[in-house]
């Protein structure tokens, strides 16, 4: 099977997000589940597949409750709209907001996660 040409590949963006809640949410799995459920309800299965949404597990910081999501460059607005639909994470009332967007993972981590 031949490799896909670079001009045909979807460009990627890294969206930094922050979980805002009264209590600190320790379980990253609950946050991940809430984001994926919001994406499925807002975008549907086809929209999620086209957007290429991937949560990057290694970049979640439980102290600041910030993390990174990888998405296609044409679907950044749709992802941020889906994140606004989150009202609960597990049993906690919470919301998820976009902090910033970058095309390079290291830059996203430096600016938005570690800051």
C-alpha atoms as a PDB file:
ATOM      1  CA  UNK A   1       0.000   0.000   0.000  1.00  0.00           C
ATOM      2  CA  UNK A   2       1.375   3.381  -0.989  1.00  0.00           C
ATOM      3  CA  UNK A   3       1.829   6.222   1.495  1.00  0.00           C
ATOM      4  CA  UNK A   4      -0.381   9.290   1.280  1.00  0.00           C
ATOM      5  CA  UNK A   5       1.298  12.310  -0.281  1.00  0.00           C
ATOM      6  CA  UNK A   6       1.929  15.194   2.141  1.00  0.00           C
ATOM      7  CA  UNK A   7      -0.261  17.505   0.075  1.00  0.00           C
ATOM      8  CA  UNK A   8      -3.228  15.174   0.589  1.00  0.00           C
ATOM      9  CA  UNK A   9      -2.829  14.845   4.353  1.00  0.00           C
ATOM     10  CA  UNK A  10      -5.006  16.872   6.675  1.00  0.00           C
ATOM     11  CA  UNK A  11      -3.160  19.674   8.490  1.00  0.00           C
ATOM     12  CA  UNK A  12      -3.296  19.405  12.247  1.00  0.00           C
ATOM     13  CA  UNK A  13      -3.870  21.876  15.046  1.00  0.00           C
ATOM     14  CA  UNK A  14      -3.419  21.449  18.767  1.00  0.00           C
ATOM     15  CA  UNK A  15      -6.170  22.954  20.922  1.00  0.00           C
ATOM     16  CA  UNK A  16      -5.347  23.646  24.560  1.00  0.00           C
ATOM     17  CA  UNK A  17      -8.362  23.311  26.865  1.00  0.00           C
ATOM     18  CA  UNK A  18      -9.046  24.052  30.507  1.00  0.00           C
ATOM     19  CA  UNK A  19     -11.580  22.416  32.813  1.00  0.00           C
ATOM     20  CA  UNK A  20     -13.318  24.980  35.026  1.00  0.00           C
ATOM     21  CA  UNK A  21     -15.000  23.520  38.111  1.00  0.00           C
ATOM     22  CA  UNK A  22     -15.471  24.277  41.800  1.00  0.00           C
ATOM     23  CA  UNK A  23     -13.619  21.131  42.837  1.00  0.00           C
ATOM     24  CA  UNK A  24     -10.501  19.709  41.259  1.00  0.00           C
ATOM     25  CA  UNK A  25     -11.295  16.760  38.994  1.00  0.00           C
ATOM     26  CA  UNK A  26      -8.636  14.102  39.467  1.00  0.00           C
ATOM     27  CA  UNK A  27      -9.823  11.552  36.915  1.00  0.00           C
ATOM     28  CA  UNK A  28      -8.597  12.291  33.396  1.00  0.00           C
ATOM     29  CA  UNK A  29     -10.763   9.420  32.128  1.00  0.00           C
ATOM     30  CA  UNK A  30     -13.936  11.287  33.174  1.00  0.00           C
ATOM     31  CA  UNK A  31     -12.756  14.428  31.380  1.00  0.00           C
ATOM     32  CA  UNK A  32     -11.884  12.419  28.279  1.00  0.00           C
ATOM     33  CA  UNK A  33     -15.273  10.679  28.315  1.00  0.00           C
ATOM     34  CA  UNK A  34     -17.126  14.008  28.666  1.00  0.00           C
ATOM     35  CA  UNK A  35     -15.228  15.557  25.752  1.00  0.00           C
ATOM     36  CA  UNK A  36     -15.832  12.576  23.485  1.00  0.00           C
ATOM     37  CA  UNK A  37     -19.543  12.431  24.399  1.00  0.00           C
ATOM     38  CA  UNK A  38     -19.932  16.160  23.683  1.00  0.00           C
ATOM     39  CA  UNK A  39     -18.149  15.720  20.360  1.00  0.00           C
ATOM     40  CA  UNK A  40     -20.367  12.806  19.388  1.00  0.00           C
ATOM     41  CA  UNK A  41     -23.567  14.619  20.313  1.00  0.00           C
ATOM     42  CA  UNK A  42     -22.566  17.851  18.546  1.00  0.00           C
ATOM     43  CA  UNK A  43     -20.643  16.548  15.523  1.00  0.00           C
ATOM     44  CA  UNK A  44     -21.909  12.986  15.185  1.00  0.00           C
ATOM     45  CA  UNK A  45     -19.792   9.984  14.308  1.00  0.00           C
ATOM     46  CA  UNK A  46     -19.015  11.173  10.786  1.00  0.00           C
ATOM     47  CA  UNK A  47     -18.050  14.649  12.000  1.00  0.00           C
ATOM     48  CA  UNK A  48     -15.763  13.194  14.656  1.00  0.00           C
ATOM     49  CA  UNK A  49     -14.079  11.002  12.053  1.00  0.00           C
ATOM     50  CA  UNK A  50     -13.634  13.900   9.613  1.00  0.00           C
ATOM     51  CA  UNK A  51     -12.257  16.176  12.329  1.00  0.00           C
ATOM     52  CA  UNK A  52      -9.730  13.563  13.436  1.00  0.00           C
ATOM     53  CA  UNK A  53     -10.111  14.429  17.116  1.00  0.00           C
ATOM     54  CA  UNK A  54      -7.467  12.836  19.367  1.00  0.00           C
ATOM     55  CA  UNK A  55      -6.940  13.590  23.045  1.00  0.00           C
ATOM     56  CA  UNK A  56      -3.278  13.633  23.993  1.00  0.00           C
ATOM     57  CA  UNK A  57      -3.069  11.838  27.336  1.00  0.00           C
ATOM     58  CA  UNK A  58       0.529  12.764  28.192  1.00  0.00           C
ATOM     59  CA  UNK A  59      -0.135  16.513  28.128  1.00  0.00           C
ATOM     60  CA  UNK A  60      -2.853  16.726  30.781  1.00  0.00           C
ATOM     61  CA  UNK A  61      -1.821  18.656  33.907  1.00  0.00           C
ATOM     62  CA  UNK A  62      -4.074  17.837  36.886  1.00  0.00           C
ATOM     63  CA  UNK A  63      -2.881  20.892  38.869  1.00  0.00           C
ATOM     64  CA  UNK A  64      -4.026  23.452  36.307  1.00  0.00           C
ATOM     65  CA  UNK A  65      -6.621  21.085  34.777  1.00  0.00           C
ATOM     66  CA  UNK A  66      -5.360  21.835  31.280  1.00  0.00           C
ATOM     67  CA  UNK A  67      -4.792  19.479  28.384  1.00  0.00           C
ATOM     68  CA  UNK A  68      -4.342  19.237  24.608  1.00  0.00           C
ATOM     69  CA  UNK A  69      -6.567  17.919  21.819  1.00  0.00           C
ATOM     70  CA  UNK A  70      -5.299  17.241  18.287  1.00  0.00           C
ATOM     71  CA  UNK A  71      -7.763  18.159  15.514  1.00  0.00           C
ATOM     72  CA  UNK A  72      -7.784  18.934  11.794  1.00  0.00           C
ATOM     73  CA  UNK A  73      -7.294  22.602  10.883  1.00  0.00           C
ATOM     74  CA  UNK A  74     -10.741  22.936   9.292  1.00  0.00           C
ATOM     75  CA  UNK A  75     -12.544  21.665  12.387  1.00  0.00           C
ATOM     76  CA  UNK A  76     -11.099  23.826  15.182  1.00  0.00           C
ATOM     77  CA  UNK A  77     -14.256  25.953  15.439  1.00  0.00           C
ATOM     78  CA  UNK A  78     -16.483  22.894  15.554  1.00  0.00           C
ATOM     79  CA  UNK A  79     -14.373  21.367  18.321  1.00  0.00           C
ATOM     80  CA  UNK A  80     -14.510  24.528  20.416  1.00  0.00           C
ATOM     81  CA  UNK A  81     -18.293  24.614  19.958  1.00  0.00           C
ATOM     82  CA  UNK A  82     -18.532  20.991  21.079  1.00  0.00           C
ATOM     83  CA  UNK A  83     -16.407  21.749  24.139  1.00  0.00           C
ATOM     84  CA  UNK A  84     -18.813  24.511  25.133  1.00  0.00           C
ATOM     85  CA  UNK A  85     -21.589  21.913  25.336  1.00  0.00           C
ATOM     86  CA  UNK A  86     -19.956  20.132  28.285  1.00  0.00           C
ATOM     87  CA  UNK A  87     -21.838  20.876  31.519  1.00  0.00           C
ATOM     88  CA  UNK A  88     -20.818  17.905  33.672  1.00  0.00           C
ATOM     89  CA  UNK A  89     -17.614  15.943  34.076  1.00  0.00           C
ATOM     90  CA  UNK A  90     -18.440  12.757  35.908  1.00  0.00           C
ATOM     91  CA  UNK A  91     -20.624  13.869  38.802  1.00  0.00           C
ATOM     92  CA  UNK A  92     -19.100  17.377  39.007  1.00  0.00           C
ATOM     93  CA  UNK A  93     -20.591  20.499  37.473  1.00  0.00           C
ATOM     94  CA  UNK A  94     -17.908  21.785  35.128  1.00  0.00           C
ATOM     95  CA  UNK A  95     -17.278  23.490  31.838  1.00  0.00           C
ATOM     96  CA  UNK A  96     -14.472  23.173  29.348  1.00  0.00           C
ATOM     97  CA  UNK A  97     -13.069  26.174  27.559  1.00  0.00           C
ATOM     98  CA  UNK A  98     -10.511  26.564  24.797  1.00  0.00           C
ATOM     99  CA  UNK A  99      -7.390  28.357  25.962  1.00  0.00           C
ATOM    100  CA  UNK A 100      -5.483  28.503  22.679  1.00  0.00           C
ATOM    101  CA  UNK A 101      -4.653  26.906  19.338  1.00  0.00           C
ATOM    102  CA  UNK A 102      -1.295  26.202  17.719  1.00  0.00           C
ATOM    103  CA  UNK A 103       0.109  24.154  14.868  1.00  0.00           C
ATOM    104  CA  UNK A 104       3.043  22.827  16.905  1.00  0.00           C
ATOM    105  CA  UNK A 105       2.611  20.631  19.978  1.00  0.00           C
ATOM    106  CA  UNK A 106       5.691  21.957  21.806  1.00  0.00           C
ATOM    107  CA  UNK A 107       4.508  25.535  21.352  1.00  0.00           C
ATOM    108  CA  UNK A 108       1.048  24.633  22.677  1.00  0.00           C
ATOM    109  CA  UNK A 109       2.562  23.007  25.753  1.00  0.00           C
ATOM    110  CA  UNK A 110       4.911  25.925  26.409  1.00  0.00           C
ATOM    111  CA  UNK A 111       2.322  28.679  25.993  1.00  0.00           C
ATOM    112  CA  UNK A 112      -0.844  27.200  27.424  1.00  0.00           C
ATOM    113  CA  UNK A 113      -0.134  24.139  29.565  1.00  0.00           C
ATOM    114  CA  UNK A 114       3.053  25.016  31.415  1.00  0.00           C
ATOM    115  CA  UNK A 115       2.265  28.730  31.775  1.00  0.00           C
END
